[in-house]
PDB file of all heavy atoms in Angstrom:
ATOM      1  N   GLU A   1      78.899  78.244 112.810  1.00  0.00           N
ATOM      2  CA  GLU A   1      78.742  79.470 113.578  1.00  0.00           C
ATOM      3  C   GLU A   1      79.430  80.609 112.909  1.00  0.00           C
ATOM      4  O   GLU A   1      78.990  81.744 112.844  1.00  0.00           O
ATOM      5  CB  GLU A   1      79.175  79.283 115.052  1.00  0.00           C
ATOM      6  CG  GLU A   1      78.972  80.503 115.897  1.00  0.00           C
ATOM      7  CD  GLU A   1      79.423  80.244 117.324  1.00  0.00           C
ATOM      8  OE1 GLU A   1      79.571  79.106 117.772  1.00  0.00           O
ATOM      9  OE2 GLU A   1      79.629  81.223 118.076  1.00  0.00           O
ATOM     10  N   ALA A   2      80.695  80.363 112.450  1.00  0.00           N
ATOM     11  CA  ALA A   2      81.464  81.405 111.800  1.00  0.00           C
ATOM     12  C   ALA A   2      80.766  81.941 110.537  1.00  0.00           C
ATOM     13  O   ALA A   2      80.690  83.119 110.258  1.00  0.00           O
ATOM     14  CB  ALA A   2      82.848  80.864 111.464  1.00  0.00           C
ATOM     15  N   TRP A   3      80.269  81.001 109.722  1.00  0.00           N
ATOM     16  CA  TRP A   3      79.575  81.366 108.485  1.00  0.00           C
ATOM     17  C   TRP A   3      78.269  82.183 108.801  1.00  0.00           C
ATOM     18  O   TRP A   3      77.929  83.107 108.127  1.00  0.00           O
ATOM     19  CB  TRP A   3      79.290  80.179 107.643  1.00  0.00           C
ATOM     20  CG  TRP A   3      80.562  79.549 107.143  1.00  0.00           C
ATOM     21  CD1 TRP A   3      81.728  80.167 106.822  1.00  0.00           C
ATOM     22  CD2 TRP A   3      80.877  78.187 107.009  1.00  0.00           C
ATOM     23  NE1 TRP A   3      82.683  79.297 106.469  1.00  0.00           N
ATOM     24  CE2 TRP A   3      82.235  78.037 106.533  1.00  0.00           C
ATOM     25  CE3 TRP A   3      80.097  77.033 107.175  1.00  0.00           C
ATOM     26  CZ2 TRP A   3      82.799  76.823 106.246  1.00  0.00           C
ATOM     27  CZ3 TRP A   3      80.720  75.773 106.864  1.00  0.00           C
ATOM     28  CH2 TRP A   3      82.023  75.700 106.404  1.00  0.00           C
ATOM     29  N   LYS A   4      77.589  81.824 109.882  1.00  0.00           N
ATOM     30  CA  LYS A   4      76.456  82.599 110.310  1.00  0.00           C
ATOM     31  C   LYS A   4      76.873  83.999 110.741  1.00  0.00           C
ATOM     32  O   LYS A   4      76.209  84.989 110.392  1.00  0.00           O
ATOM     33  CB  LYS A   4      75.752  81.873 111.543  1.00  0.00           C
ATOM     34  CG  LYS A   4      74.502  82.562 112.000  1.00  0.00           C
ATOM     35  CD  LYS A   4      73.803  81.681 113.028  1.00  0.00           C
ATOM     36  CE  LYS A   4      72.511  82.292 113.486  1.00  0.00           C
ATOM     37  NZ  LYS A   4      72.750  83.467 114.369  1.00  0.00           N
ATOM     38  N   GLU A   5      77.954  84.138 111.486  1.00  0.00           N
ATOM     39  CA  GLU A   5      78.460  85.438 111.850  1.00  0.00           C
ATOM     40  C   GLU A   5      78.835  86.316 110.655  1.00  0.00           C
ATOM     41  O   GLU A   5      78.542  87.501 110.558  1.00  0.00           O
ATOM     42  CB  GLU A   5      79.656  85.257 112.796  1.00  0.00           C
ATOM     43  CG  GLU A   5      79.385  84.673 114.110  1.00  0.00           C
ATOM     44  CD  GLU A   5      78.669  85.590 115.055  1.00  0.00           C
ATOM     45  OE1 GLU A   5      78.787  86.844 114.870  1.00  0.00           O
ATOM     46  OE2 GLU A   5      77.966  85.125 115.980  1.00  0.00           O
ATOM     47  N   ILE A   6      79.506  85.695 109.678  1.00  0.00           N
ATOM     48  CA  ILE A   6      79.871  86.453 108.441  1.00  0.00           C
ATOM     49  C   ILE A   6      78.603  86.895 107.703  1.00  0.00           C
ATOM     50  O   ILE A   6      78.499  88.079 107.308  1.00  0.00           O
ATOM     51  CB  ILE A   6      80.762  85.602 107.570  1.00  0.00           C
ATOM     52  CG1 ILE A   6      82.130  85.297 108.196  1.00  0.00           C
ATOM     53  CG2 ILE A   6      80.955  86.208 106.191  1.00  0.00           C
ATOM     54  CD1 ILE A   6      82.953  84.281 107.472  1.00  0.00           C
ATOM     55  N   GLU A   7      77.673  85.987 107.547  1.00  0.00           N
ATOM     56  CA  GLU A   7      76.462  86.346 106.821  1.00  0.00           C
ATOM     57  C   GLU A   7      75.686  87.479 107.480  1.00  0.00           C
ATOM     58  O   GLU A   7      75.280  88.451 106.849  1.00  0.00           O
ATOM     59  CB  GLU A   7      75.574  85.107 106.687  1.00  0.00           C
ATOM     60  CG  GLU A   7      74.330  85.306 105.878  1.00  0.00           C
ATOM     61  CD  GLU A   7      73.566  84.030 105.571  1.00  0.00           C
ATOM     62  OE1 GLU A   7      74.132  82.938 105.814  1.00  0.00           O
ATOM     63  OE2 GLU A   7      72.362  84.104 105.160  1.00  0.00           O
ATOM     64  N   GLU A   8      75.539  87.419 108.808  1.00  0.00           N
ATOM     65  CA  GLU A   8      74.837  88.438 109.553  1.00  0.00           C
ATOM     66  C   GLU A   8      75.541  89.734 109.502  1.00  0.00           C
ATOM     67  O   GLU A   8      74.960  90.808 109.336  1.00  0.00           O
ATOM     68  CB  GLU A   8      74.562  87.971 110.989  1.00  0.00           C
ATOM     69  CG  GLU A   8      73.575  86.859 111.088  1.00  0.00           C
ATOM     70  CD  GLU A   8      73.380  86.341 112.517  1.00  0.00           C
ATOM     71  OE1 GLU A   8      74.144  86.785 113.394  1.00  0.00           O
ATOM     72  OE2 GLU A   8      72.449  85.516 112.707  1.00  0.00           O
ATOM     73  N   ALA A   9      76.889  89.720 109.655  1.00  0.00           N
ATOM     74  CA  ALA A   9      77.698  90.965 109.604  1.00  0.00           C
ATOM     75  C   ALA A   9      77.566  91.623 108.209  1.00  0.00           C
ATOM     76  O   ALA A   9      77.463  92.857 108.096  1.00  0.00           O
ATOM     77  CB  ALA A   9      79.065  90.694 109.948  1.00  0.00           C
ATOM     78  N   ALA A  10      77.647  90.796 107.157  1.00  0.00           N
ATOM     79  CA  ALA A  10      77.502  91.320 105.847  1.00  0.00           C
ATOM     80  C   ALA A  10      76.139  91.986 105.597  1.00  0.00           C
ATOM     81  O   ALA A  10      76.116  93.091 104.995  1.00  0.00           O
ATOM     82  CB  ALA A  10      77.791  90.237 104.832  1.00  0.00           C
ATOM     83  N   ALA A  11      75.096  91.329 106.014  1.00  0.00           N
ATOM     84  CA  ALA A  11      73.748  91.890 105.859  1.00  0.00           C
ATOM     85  C   ALA A  11      73.614  93.220 106.608  1.00  0.00           C
ATOM     86  O   ALA A  11      73.089  94.170 106.149  1.00  0.00           O
ATOM     87  CB  ALA A  11      72.741  90.894 106.336  1.00  0.00           C
ATOM     88  N   GLU A  12      74.134  93.216 107.878  1.00  0.00           N
ATOM     89  CA  GLU A  12      74.096  94.474 108.657  1.00  0.00           C
ATOM     90  C   GLU A  12      74.845  95.594 108.010  1.00  0.00           C
ATOM     91  O   GLU A  12      74.410  96.726 107.941  1.00  0.00           O
ATOM     92  CB  GLU A  12      74.626  94.172 110.071  1.00  0.00           C
ATOM     93  CG  GLU A  12      74.573  95.405 110.973  1.00  0.00           C
ATOM     94  CD  GLU A  12      75.144  95.079 112.309  1.00  0.00           C
ATOM     95  OE1 GLU A  12      75.391  93.903 112.682  1.00  0.00           O
ATOM     96  OE2 GLU A  12      75.389  96.082 113.039  1.00  0.00           O
ATOM     97  N   GLY A  13      76.001  95.298 107.535  1.00  0.00           N
ATOM     98  CA  GLY A  13      76.863  96.292 106.935  1.00  0.00           C
ATOM     99  C   GLY A  13      76.189  96.821 105.651  1.00  0.00           C
ATOM    100  O   GLY A  13      76.258  98.117 105.385  1.00  0.00           O
ATOM    101  N   VAL A  14      75.661  95.971 104.764  1.00  0.00           N
ATOM    102  CA  VAL A  14      75.097  96.436 103.513  1.00  0.00           C
ATOM    103  C   VAL A  14      73.844  97.253 103.815  1.00  0.00           C
ATOM    104  O   VAL A  14      73.576  98.279 103.187  1.00  0.00           O
ATOM    105  CB  VAL A  14      74.843  95.279 102.620  1.00  0.00           C
ATOM    106  CG1 VAL A  14      73.939  95.686 101.447  1.00  0.00           C
ATOM    107  CG2 VAL A  14      76.086  94.624 102.140  1.00  0.00           C
ATOM    108  N   ARG A  15      73.045  96.838 104.787  1.00  0.00           N
ATOM    109  CA  ARG A  15      71.841  97.623 105.157  1.00  0.00           C
ATOM    110  C   ARG A  15      72.288  99.009 105.659  1.00  0.00           C
ATOM    111  O   ARG A  15      71.613 100.020 105.284  1.00  0.00           O
ATOM    112  CB  ARG A  15      71.044  96.925 106.257  1.00  0.00           C
ATOM    113  CG  ARG A  15      70.307  95.693 105.773  1.00  0.00           C
ATOM    114  CD  ARG A  15      69.311  95.207 106.868  1.00  0.00           C
ATOM    115  NE  ARG A  15      68.889  93.860 106.560  1.00  0.00           N
ATOM    116  CZ  ARG A  15      69.306  92.746 107.155  1.00  0.00           C
ATOM    117  NH1 ARG A  15      70.187  92.838 108.101  1.00  0.00           N
ATOM    118  NH2 ARG A  15      68.824  91.591 106.765  1.00  0.00           N
ATOM    119  N   ALA A  16      73.307  99.088 106.443  1.00  0.00           N
ATOM    120  CA  ALA A  16      73.802 100.393 106.883  1.00  0.00           C
ATOM    121  C   ALA A  16      74.240 101.255 105.739  1.00  0.00           C
ATOM    122  O   ALA A  16      73.973 102.505 105.735  1.00  0.00           O
ATOM    123  CB  ALA A  16      74.914 100.232 107.854  1.00  0.00           C
ATOM    124  N   ALA A  17      74.888 100.689 104.729  1.00  0.00           N
ATOM    125  CA  ALA A  17      75.300 101.501 103.569  1.00  0.00           C
ATOM    126  C   ALA A  17      74.089 101.926 102.825  1.00  0.00           C
ATOM    127  O   ALA A  17      74.093 103.096 102.273  1.00  0.00           O
ATOM    128  CB  ALA A  17      76.209 100.616 102.698  1.00  0.00           C
ATOM    129  N   ALA A  18      73.092 101.134 102.704  1.00  0.00           N
ATOM    130  CA  ALA A  18      71.844 101.549 101.982  1.00  0.00           C
ATOM    131  C   ALA A  18      71.156 102.706 102.675  1.00  0.00           C
ATOM    132  O   ALA A  18      70.545 103.563 102.015  1.00  0.00           O
ATOM    133  CB  ALA A  18      70.930 100.360 101.789  1.00  0.00           C
ATOM    134  N   GLU A  19      71.190 102.712 103.982  1.00  0.00           N
ATOM    135  CA  GLU A  19      70.452 103.730 104.759  1.00  0.00           C
ATOM    136  C   GLU A  19      71.321 105.033 104.989  1.00  0.00           C
ATOM    137  O   GLU A  19      70.747 106.043 105.290  1.00  0.00           O
ATOM    138  CB  GLU A  19      70.033 103.154 106.130  1.00  0.00           C
ATOM    139  CG  GLU A  19      69.055 102.014 105.948  1.00  0.00           C
ATOM    140  CD  GLU A  19      68.912 101.195 107.232  1.00  0.00           C
ATOM    141  OE1 GLU A  19      69.561 101.565 108.255  1.00  0.00           O
ATOM    142  OE2 GLU A  19      68.101 100.254 107.282  1.00  0.00           O
ATOM    143  N   GLY A  20      72.621 104.902 104.871  1.00  0.00           N
ATOM    144  CA  GLY A  20      73.469 106.038 105.153  1.00  0.00           C
ATOM    145  C   GLY A  20      73.727 106.923 103.954  1.00  0.00           C
ATOM    146  O   GLY A  20      73.298 106.635 102.883  1.00  0.00           O
ATOM    147  N   ARG A  21      74.454 107.962 104.216  1.00  0.00           N
ATOM    148  CA  ARG A  21      74.821 108.919 103.131  1.00  0.00           C
ATOM    149  C   ARG A  21      76.007 108.291 102.357  1.00  0.00           C
ATOM    150  O   ARG A  21      76.941 107.746 102.880  1.00  0.00           O
ATOM    151  CB  ARG A  21      75.270 110.240 103.684  1.00  0.00           C
ATOM    152  CG  ARG A  21      74.123 111.000 104.406  1.00  0.00           C
ATOM    153  CD  ARG A  21      74.610 112.178 105.199  1.00  0.00           C
ATOM    154  NE  ARG A  21      75.437 113.051 104.316  1.00  0.00           N
ATOM    155  CZ  ARG A  21      76.076 114.090 104.817  1.00  0.00           C
ATOM    156  NH1 ARG A  21      76.126 114.342 106.141  1.00  0.00           N
ATOM    157  NH2 ARG A  21      76.886 114.874 104.025  1.00  0.00           N
ATOM    158  N   PRO A  22      76.010 108.484 100.993  1.00  0.00           N
ATOM    159  CA  PRO A  22      77.113 107.987 100.199  1.00  0.00           C
ATOM    160  C   PRO A  22      78.399 108.686 100.610  1.00  0.00           C
ATOM    161  O   PRO A  22      78.427 109.871 101.012  1.00  0.00           O
ATOM    162  CB  PRO A  22      76.701 108.349  98.744  1.00  0.00           C
ATOM    163  CG  PRO A  22      75.226 108.578  98.814  1.00  0.00           C
ATOM    164  CD  PRO A  22      74.917 109.096 100.198  1.00  0.00           C
ATOM    165  N   ALA A  23      79.518 107.936 100.469  1.00  0.00           N
ATOM    166  CA  ALA A  23      80.821 108.541 100.778  1.00  0.00           C
ATOM    167  C   ALA A  23      81.219 109.459  99.672  1.00  0.00           C
ATOM    168  O   ALA A  23      80.825 109.357  98.527  1.00  0.00           O
ATOM    169  CB  ALA A  23      81.837 107.436 100.930  1.00  0.00           C
ATOM    170  N   GLU A  24      81.992 110.521  99.979  1.00  0.00           N
ATOM    171  CA  GLU A  24      82.489 111.440  98.994  1.00  0.00           C
ATOM    172  C   GLU A  24      83.899 111.032  98.600  1.00  0.00           C
ATOM    173  O   GLU A  24      84.759 110.843  99.381  1.00  0.00           O
ATOM    174  CB  GLU A  24      82.512 112.875  99.574  1.00  0.00           C
ATOM    175  CG  GLU A  24      81.140 113.443  99.918  1.00  0.00           C
ATOM    176  CD  GLU A  24      80.346 113.690  98.663  1.00  0.00           C
ATOM    177  OE1 GLU A  24      80.950 114.020  97.596  1.00  0.00           O
ATOM    178  OE2 GLU A  24      79.119 113.594  98.664  1.00  0.00           O
ATOM    179  N   PRO A  25      84.137 110.979  97.233  1.00  0.00           N
ATOM    180  CA  PRO A  25      85.495 110.680  96.806  1.00  0.00           C
ATOM    181  C   PRO A  25      86.517 111.725  97.295  1.00  0.00           C
ATOM    182  O   PRO A  25      86.161 112.860  97.574  1.00  0.00           O
ATOM    183  CB  PRO A  25      85.406 110.740  95.275  1.00  0.00           C
ATOM    184  CG  PRO A  25      83.946 110.505  95.056  1.00  0.00           C
ATOM    185  CD  PRO A  25      83.221 111.121  96.150  1.00  0.00           C
ATOM    186  N   ASP A  26      87.753 111.260  97.495  1.00  0.00           N
ATOM    187  CA  ASP A  26      88.814 112.206  97.967  1.00  0.00           C
ATOM    188  C   ASP A  26      90.064 111.952  97.172  1.00  0.00           C
ATOM    189  O   ASP A  26      90.677 110.876  97.244  1.00  0.00           O
ATOM    190  CB  ASP A  26      89.015 111.900  99.452  1.00  0.00           C
ATOM    191  CG  ASP A  26      90.102 112.766 100.140  1.00  0.00           C
ATOM    192  OD1 ASP A  26      90.550 113.670  99.454  1.00  0.00           O
ATOM    193  OD2 ASP A  26      90.452 112.455 101.281  1.00  0.00           O
ATOM    194  N   ASP A  27      90.478 113.004  96.445  1.00  0.00           N
ATOM    195  CA  ASP A  27      91.725 112.825  95.638  1.00  0.00           C
ATOM    196  C   ASP A  27      92.880 113.652  96.213  1.00  0.00           C
ATOM    197  O   ASP A  27      93.829 113.965  95.523  1.00  0.00           O
ATOM    198  CB  ASP A  27      91.461 113.185  94.176  1.00  0.00           C
ATOM    199  CG  ASP A  27      91.019 114.663  94.026  1.00  0.00           C
ATOM    200  OD1 ASP A  27      90.856 115.372  95.066  1.00  0.00           O
ATOM    201  OD2 ASP A  27      90.884 115.084  92.877  1.00  0.00           O
ATOM    202  N   ALA A  28      92.776 114.021  97.514  1.00  0.00           N
ATOM    203  CA  ALA A  28      93.848 114.761  98.156  1.00  0.00           C
ATOM    204  C   ALA A  28      95.105 113.903  98.223  1.00  0.00           C
ATOM    205  O   ALA A  28      95.047 112.687  98.366  1.00  0.00           O
ATOM    206  CB  ALA A  28      93.438 115.141  99.557  1.00  0.00           C
ATOM    207  N   PRO A  29      96.325 114.563  98.019  1.00  0.00           N
ATOM    208  CA  PRO A  29      97.568 113.788  98.120  1.00  0.00           C
ATOM    209  C   PRO A  29      97.805 113.293  99.547  1.00  0.00           C
ATOM    210  O   PRO A  29      97.557 114.029 100.475  1.00  0.00           O
ATOM    211  CB  PRO A  29      98.609 114.745  97.617  1.00  0.00           C
ATOM    212  CG  PRO A  29      98.027 116.099  97.890  1.00  0.00           C
ATOM    213  CD  PRO A  29      96.563 115.873  97.732  1.00  0.00           C
ATOM    214  N   ARG A  30      98.327 112.070  99.651  1.00  0.00           N
ATOM    215  CA  ARG A  30      98.668 111.525 100.947  1.00  0.00           C
ATOM    216  C   ARG A  30     100.088 111.011 100.837  1.00  0.00           C
ATOM    217  O   ARG A  30     100.662 110.876  99.721  1.00  0.00           O
ATOM    218  CB  ARG A  30      97.735 110.341 101.321  1.00  0.00           C
ATOM    219  CG  ARG A  30      96.318 110.683 101.168  1.00  0.00           C
ATOM    220  CD  ARG A  30      95.737 111.519 102.354  1.00  0.00           C
ATOM    221  NE  ARG A  30      95.729 110.734 103.595  1.00  0.00           N
ATOM    222  CZ  ARG A  30      94.767 109.893 103.947  1.00  0.00           C
ATOM    223  NH1 ARG A  30      93.762 109.714 103.117  1.00  0.00           N
ATOM    224  NH2 ARG A  30      94.876 109.256 105.097  1.00  0.00           N
ATOM    225  N   THR A  31     100.730 110.708 101.981  1.00  0.00           N
ATOM    226  CA  THR A  31     102.095 110.201 101.977  1.00  0.00           C
ATOM    227  C   THR A  31     102.136 108.717 102.321  1.00  0.00           C
ATOM    228  O   THR A  31     101.694 108.366 103.414  1.00  0.00           O
ATOM    229  CB  THR A  31     103.017 110.990 102.939  1.00  0.00           C
ATOM    230  OG1 THR A  31     103.043 112.378 102.552  1.00  0.00           O
ATOM    231  CG2 THR A  31     104.431 110.509 102.924  1.00  0.00           C
ATOM    232  N   LEU A  32     102.711 107.888 101.489  1.00  0.00           N
ATOM    233  CA  LEU A  32     102.874 106.482 101.719  1.00  0.00           C
ATOM    234  C   LEU A  32     104.394 106.182 102.026  1.00  0.00           C
ATOM    235  O   LEU A  32     105.245 106.739 101.285  1.00  0.00           O
ATOM    236  CB  LEU A  32     102.520 105.657 100.491  1.00  0.00           C
ATOM    237  CG  LEU A  32     102.930 104.172 100.544  1.00  0.00           C
ATOM    238  CD1 LEU A  32     102.108 103.439 101.608  1.00  0.00           C
ATOM    239  CD2 LEU A  32     102.708 103.518  99.151  1.00  0.00           C
ATOM    240  N   ALA A  33     104.672 105.541 103.128  1.00  0.00           N
ATOM    241  CA  ALA A  33     106.028 105.190 103.482  1.00  0.00           C
ATOM    242  C   ALA A  33     106.043 103.664 103.747  1.00  0.00           C
ATOM    243  O   ALA A  33     105.083 103.095 104.363  1.00  0.00           O
ATOM    244  CB  ALA A  33     106.530 105.927 104.702  1.00  0.00           C
ATOM    245  N   VAL A  34     107.117 103.015 103.247  1.00  0.00           N
ATOM    246  CA  VAL A  34     107.240 101.568 103.392  1.00  0.00           C
ATOM    247  C   VAL A  34     108.654 101.258 103.865  1.00  0.00           C
ATOM    248  O   VAL A  34     109.622 101.725 103.245  1.00  0.00           O
ATOM    249  CB  VAL A  34     106.994 100.803 102.112  1.00  0.00           C
ATOM    250  CG1 VAL A  34     107.058  99.289 102.316  1.00  0.00           C
ATOM    251  CG2 VAL A  34     105.610 101.191 101.478  1.00  0.00           C
ATOM    252  N   ARG A  35     108.753 100.474 104.962  1.00  0.00           N
ATOM    253  CA  ARG A  35     110.112 100.034 105.442  1.00  0.00           C
ATOM    254  C   ARG A  35     110.301  98.616 105.103  1.00  0.00           C
ATOM    255  O   ARG A  35     109.476  97.734 105.512  1.00  0.00           O
ATOM    256  CB  ARG A  35     110.179 100.222 107.002  1.00  0.00           C
ATOM    257  CG  ARG A  35     111.563  99.836 107.495  1.00  0.00           C
ATOM    258  CD  ARG A  35     111.684 100.243 108.969  1.00  0.00           C
ATOM    259  NE  ARG A  35     112.971  99.899 109.523  1.00  0.00           N
ATOM    260  CZ  ARG A  35     114.051 100.587 109.461  1.00  0.00           C
ATOM    261  NH1 ARG A  35     114.054 101.679 108.720  1.00  0.00           N
ATOM    262  NH2 ARG A  35     115.251 100.183 110.012  1.00  0.00           N
ATOM    263  N   TRP A  36     111.332  98.316 104.319  1.00  0.00           N
ATOM    264  CA  TRP A  36     111.639  96.982 103.849  1.00  0.00           C
ATOM    265  C   TRP A  36     112.676  96.318 104.705  1.00  0.00           C
ATOM    266  O   TRP A  36     113.466  96.953 105.377  1.00  0.00           O
ATOM    267  CB  TRP A  36     112.161  97.068 102.378  1.00  0.00           C
ATOM    268  CG  TRP A  36     111.208  97.799 101.473  1.00  0.00           C
ATOM    269  CD1 TRP A  36     111.201  99.115 101.273  1.00  0.00           C
ATOM    270  CD2 TRP A  36     110.170  97.160 100.721  1.00  0.00           C
ATOM    271  NE1 TRP A  36     110.165  99.439 100.376  1.00  0.00           N
ATOM    272  CE2 TRP A  36     109.509  98.256 100.011  1.00  0.00           C
ATOM    273  CE3 TRP A  36     109.725  95.916 100.510  1.00  0.00           C
ATOM    274  CZ2 TRP A  36     108.481  98.054  99.162  1.00  0.00           C
ATOM    275  CZ3 TRP A  36     108.690  95.651  99.669  1.00  0.00           C
ATOM    276  CH2 TRP A  36     108.029  96.693  99.014  1.00  0.00           C
ATOM    277  N   GLN A  37     112.687  94.964 104.654  1.00  0.00           N
ATOM    278  CA  GLN A  37     113.762  94.265 105.331  1.00  0.00           C
ATOM    279  C   GLN A  37     115.094  94.446 104.662  1.00  0.00           C
ATOM    280  O   GLN A  37     116.156  94.504 105.320  1.00  0.00           O
ATOM    281  CB  GLN A  37     113.417  92.765 105.344  1.00  0.00           C
ATOM    282  CG  GLN A  37     114.428  91.965 106.164  1.00  0.00           C
ATOM    283  CD  GLN A  37     114.196  90.457 105.999  1.00  0.00           C
ATOM    284  OE1 GLN A  37     114.290  89.946 104.910  1.00  0.00           O
ATOM    285  NE2 GLN A  37     113.909  89.771 107.101  1.00  0.00           N
ATOM    286  N   SER A  38     115.045  94.607 103.347  1.00  0.00           N
ATOM    287  CA  SER A  38     116.262  94.799 102.528  1.00  0.00           C
ATOM    288  C   SER A  38     116.573  96.180 102.100  1.00  0.00           C
ATOM    289  O   SER A  38     115.694  96.815 101.475  1.00  0.00           O
ATOM    290  CB  SER A  38     116.170  93.853 101.304  1.00  0.00           C
ATOM    291  OG  SER A  38     117.254  94.094 100.439  1.00  0.00           O
ATOM    292  N   ALA A  39     117.750  96.657 102.362  1.00  0.00           N
ATOM    293  CA  ALA A  39     118.179  98.008 101.830  1.00  0.00           C
ATOM    294  C   ALA A  39     118.251  98.016 100.304  1.00  0.00           C
ATOM    295  O   ALA A  39     118.104  99.060  99.686  1.00  0.00           O
ATOM    296  CB  ALA A  39     119.504  98.402 102.446  1.00  0.00           C
ATOM    297  N   SER A  40     118.465  96.816  99.737  1.00  0.00           N
ATOM    298  CA  SER A  40     118.574  96.746  98.220  1.00  0.00           C
ATOM    299  C   SER A  40     117.243  97.154  97.618  1.00  0.00           C
ATOM    300  O   SER A  40     117.160  97.765  96.575  1.00  0.00           O
ATOM    301  CB  SER A  40     118.949  95.373  97.853  1.00  0.00           C
ATOM    302  OG  SER A  40     120.275  95.012  98.251  1.00  0.00           O
ATOM    303  N   VAL A  41     116.151  96.725  98.174  1.00  0.00           N
ATOM    304  CA  VAL A  41     114.780  97.099  97.703  1.00  0.00           C
ATOM    305  C   VAL A  41     114.637  98.582  97.683  1.00  0.00           C
ATOM    306  O   VAL A  41     114.231  99.213  96.686  1.00  0.00           O
ATOM    307  CB  VAL A  41     113.713  96.375  98.436  1.00  0.00           C
ATOM    308  CG1 VAL A  41     112.346  96.848  97.998  1.00  0.00           C
ATOM    309  CG2 VAL A  41     113.808  94.871  98.322  1.00  0.00           C
ATOM    310  N   ALA A  42     114.920  99.213  98.826  1.00  0.00           N
ATOM    311  CA  ALA A  42     114.762 100.670  98.909  1.00  0.00           C
ATOM    312  C   ALA A  42     115.663 101.346  97.916  1.00  0.00           C
ATOM    313  O   ALA A  42     115.188 102.332  97.300  1.00  0.00           O
ATOM    314  CB  ALA A  42     115.091 101.140 100.338  1.00  0.00           C
ATOM    315  N   GLN A  43     116.832 100.884  97.759  1.00  0.00           N
ATOM    316  CA  GLN A  43     117.747 101.548  96.768  1.00  0.00           C
ATOM    317  C   GLN A  43     117.187 101.456  95.351  1.00  0.00           C
ATOM    318  O   GLN A  43     117.234 102.479  94.579  1.00  0.00           O
ATOM    319  CB  GLN A  43     119.133 100.919  96.817  1.00  0.00           C
ATOM    320  CG  GLN A  43     120.090 101.450  95.808  1.00  0.00           C
ATOM    321  CD  GLN A  43     121.479 100.903  95.987  1.00  0.00           C
ATOM    322  OE1 GLN A  43     122.371 101.600  96.515  1.00  0.00           O
ATOM    323  NE2 GLN A  43     121.732  99.686  95.538  1.00  0.00           N
ATOM    324  N   GLN A  44     116.678 100.303  94.978  1.00  0.00           N
ATOM    325  CA  GLN A  44     116.133 100.168  93.650  1.00  0.00           C
ATOM    326  C   GLN A  44     114.839 101.047  93.448  1.00  0.00           C
ATOM    327  O   GLN A  44     114.654 101.594  92.382  1.00  0.00           O
ATOM    328  CB  GLN A  44     115.826  98.665  93.322  1.00  0.00           C
ATOM    329  CG  GLN A  44     117.046  97.809  93.224  1.00  0.00           C
ATOM    330  CD  GLN A  44     118.014  98.254  92.089  1.00  0.00           C
ATOM    331  OE1 GLN A  44     117.586  98.602  90.968  1.00  0.00           O
ATOM    332  NE2 GLN A  44     119.270  98.306  92.376  1.00  0.00           N
TER     333      GLN A  44
END
């Protein structure tokens, strides 16, 4: 049943991509922040 769900979802998604408008690339700067367990990692 799981494999059937995956197959059907993949087919639906790909069909939607074929019928929809292509996405536009975006090179705008964004901010990435990461919180580590170790302060040593952040320091390095």
